[in-house]
Amino acid sequence: VRWSTLFIPTLRDAPADAEAASHRLLVRGGFVRQLQSGHYSMLPLGWRV
C-alpha cells in the first residue's frame, strides 16, 4: 500500500476535550477518533502499528 493512498486524518490543533498527553497525540496523529464520551475507534493507521 502506498503512503499516498492511506486515509490518515491528522489535526493541526489539539482537541479541546483531551486531558492526557497521550490522548492528544493519538488523536492529532490520526491513530484514533473519539466517537462518544469514553468510546474510541481505531483508524487504519492505528491498526497498522
N, C-alpha and C. Protein backbone atom coordinates (compact mmCIF):
# COMPACT_ATOMS: atom_id res chain seq x y z
N VAL A 1 0.85 -1.17 0.00
CA VAL A 1 0.00 0.00 0.00
C VAL A 1 0.90 1.24 0.00
N ARG A 2 0.60 2.13 -0.88
CA ARG A 2 1.38 3.36 -0.94
C ARG A 2 0.94 4.32 0.17
N TRP A 3 1.88 5.10 0.63
CA TRP A 3 1.61 6.06 1.70
C TRP A 3 0.57 7.09 1.24
N SER A 4 0.58 7.44 -0.03
CA SER A 4 -0.34 8.46 -0.53
C SER A 4 -1.78 7.98 -0.60
N THR A 5 -2.01 6.67 -0.56
CA THR A 5 -3.38 6.15 -0.65
C THR A 5 -3.98 5.83 0.72
N LEU A 6 -3.22 5.94 1.78
CA LEU A 6 -3.75 5.67 3.11
C LEU A 6 -4.62 6.84 3.58
N PHE A 7 -5.64 6.52 4.35
CA PHE A 7 -6.52 7.54 4.93
C PHE A 7 -5.97 7.91 6.30
N ILE A 8 -5.31 9.05 6.39
CA ILE A 8 -4.72 9.49 7.65
C ILE A 8 -5.19 10.91 7.95
N PRO A 9 -6.30 11.05 8.69
CA PRO A 9 -6.80 12.39 9.01
C PRO A 9 -6.06 12.98 10.21
N THR A 10 -5.14 13.86 9.97
CA THR A 10 -4.39 14.48 11.06
C THR A 10 -5.02 15.82 11.41
N LEU A 11 -4.76 16.28 12.63
CA LEU A 11 -5.28 17.56 13.10
C LEU A 11 -4.12 18.50 13.37
N ARG A 12 -4.33 19.77 13.13
CA ARG A 12 -3.28 20.76 13.41
C ARG A 12 -3.28 21.14 14.88
N ASP A 13 -4.44 21.29 15.47
CA ASP A 13 -4.56 21.70 16.86
C ASP A 13 -5.01 20.53 17.71
N ALA A 14 -4.62 20.57 18.97
CA ALA A 14 -5.04 19.52 19.90
C ALA A 14 -6.53 19.66 20.19
N PRO A 15 -7.24 18.54 20.36
CA PRO A 15 -8.67 18.62 20.69
C PRO A 15 -8.87 19.29 22.06
N ALA A 16 -9.92 20.07 22.17
CA ALA A 16 -10.16 20.83 23.40
C ALA A 16 -10.51 19.92 24.57
N ASP A 17 -11.15 18.78 24.31
CA ASP A 17 -11.59 17.90 25.40
C ASP A 17 -10.52 16.90 25.83
N ALA A 18 -9.35 16.92 25.21
CA ALA A 18 -8.29 15.96 25.55
C ALA A 18 -7.59 16.39 26.83
N GLU A 19 -7.52 15.47 27.79
CA GLU A 19 -6.88 15.78 29.07
C GLU A 19 -5.47 15.22 29.13
N ALA A 20 -5.29 13.97 28.71
CA ALA A 20 -3.98 13.32 28.80
C ALA A 20 -3.14 13.64 27.56
N ALA A 21 -1.85 13.71 27.75
CA ALA A 21 -0.94 13.99 26.63
C ALA A 21 -0.99 12.88 25.60
N SER A 22 -1.13 11.63 26.04
CA SER A 22 -1.18 10.51 25.10
C SER A 22 -2.44 10.57 24.24
N HIS A 23 -3.55 10.97 24.83
CA HIS A 23 -4.80 11.11 24.09
C HIS A 23 -4.67 12.19 23.02
N ARG A 24 -4.08 13.33 23.39
CA ARG A 24 -3.88 14.41 22.42
C ARG A 24 -3.04 13.95 21.25
N LEU A 25 -1.96 13.23 21.51
CA LEU A 25 -1.06 12.78 20.45
C LEU A 25 -1.71 11.74 19.55
N LEU A 26 -2.46 10.80 20.12
CA LEU A 26 -3.11 9.78 19.30
C LEU A 26 -4.18 10.37 18.39
N VAL A 27 -4.95 11.33 18.88
CA VAL A 27 -5.99 11.95 18.06
C VAL A 27 -5.36 12.84 16.99
N ARG A 28 -4.37 13.64 17.37
CA ARG A 28 -3.72 14.53 16.40
C ARG A 28 -2.99 13.75 15.32
N GLY A 29 -2.42 12.60 15.67
CA GLY A 29 -1.67 11.81 14.70
C GLY A 29 -2.52 10.97 13.78
N GLY A 30 -3.81 10.86 14.04
CA GLY A 30 -4.70 10.09 13.18
C GLY A 30 -4.74 8.61 13.50
N PHE A 31 -4.43 8.24 14.74
CA PHE A 31 -4.47 6.83 15.14
C PHE A 31 -5.84 6.42 15.66
N VAL A 32 -6.51 7.31 16.39
CA VAL A 32 -7.84 7.02 16.94
C VAL A 32 -8.75 8.22 16.71
N ARG A 33 -10.05 7.96 16.79
CA ARG A 33 -11.07 9.01 16.67
C ARG A 33 -12.08 8.78 17.77
N GLN A 34 -12.45 9.82 18.49
CA GLN A 34 -13.43 9.68 19.57
C GLN A 34 -14.83 9.68 18.98
N LEU A 35 -15.61 8.64 19.33
CA LEU A 35 -16.98 8.52 18.85
C LEU A 35 -17.96 9.17 19.82
N GLN A 36 -17.83 8.78 21.09
CA GLN A 36 -18.66 9.32 22.17
C GLN A 36 -17.75 9.54 23.35
N SER A 37 -18.33 9.94 24.44
CA SER A 37 -17.55 10.10 25.65
C SER A 37 -17.08 8.73 26.14
N GLY A 38 -15.79 8.49 26.08
CA GLY A 38 -15.22 7.22 26.53
C GLY A 38 -15.17 6.13 25.48
N HIS A 39 -15.66 6.37 24.28
CA HIS A 39 -15.65 5.37 23.20
C HIS A 39 -14.78 5.87 22.06
N TYR A 40 -13.82 5.03 21.67
CA TYR A 40 -12.89 5.41 20.62
C TYR A 40 -12.90 4.38 19.50
N SER A 41 -12.57 4.84 18.31
CA SER A 41 -12.50 3.97 17.14
C SER A 41 -11.07 4.03 16.61
N MET A 42 -10.50 2.86 16.31
CA MET A 42 -9.17 2.81 15.73
C MET A 42 -9.27 3.13 14.25
N LEU A 43 -8.46 4.05 13.77
CA LEU A 43 -8.41 4.38 12.35
C LEU A 43 -7.40 3.46 11.68
N PRO A 44 -7.35 3.42 10.34
CA PRO A 44 -6.46 2.49 9.64
C PRO A 44 -4.99 2.58 10.08
N LEU A 45 -4.49 3.77 10.33
CA LEU A 45 -3.11 3.89 10.78
C LEU A 45 -2.93 3.28 12.17
N GLY A 46 -3.94 3.38 13.02
CA GLY A 46 -3.89 2.78 14.35
C GLY A 46 -3.85 1.26 14.30
N TRP A 47 -4.50 0.66 13.31
CA TRP A 47 -4.48 -0.79 13.17
C TRP A 47 -3.14 -1.28 12.64
N ARG A 48 -2.45 -0.45 11.88
CA ARG A 48 -1.19 -0.87 11.27
C ARG A 48 -0.03 -0.91 12.26
N VAL A 49 -0.10 -0.12 13.33
CA VAL A 49 1.04 -0.06 14.25
C VAL A 49 0.88 -1.01 15.39
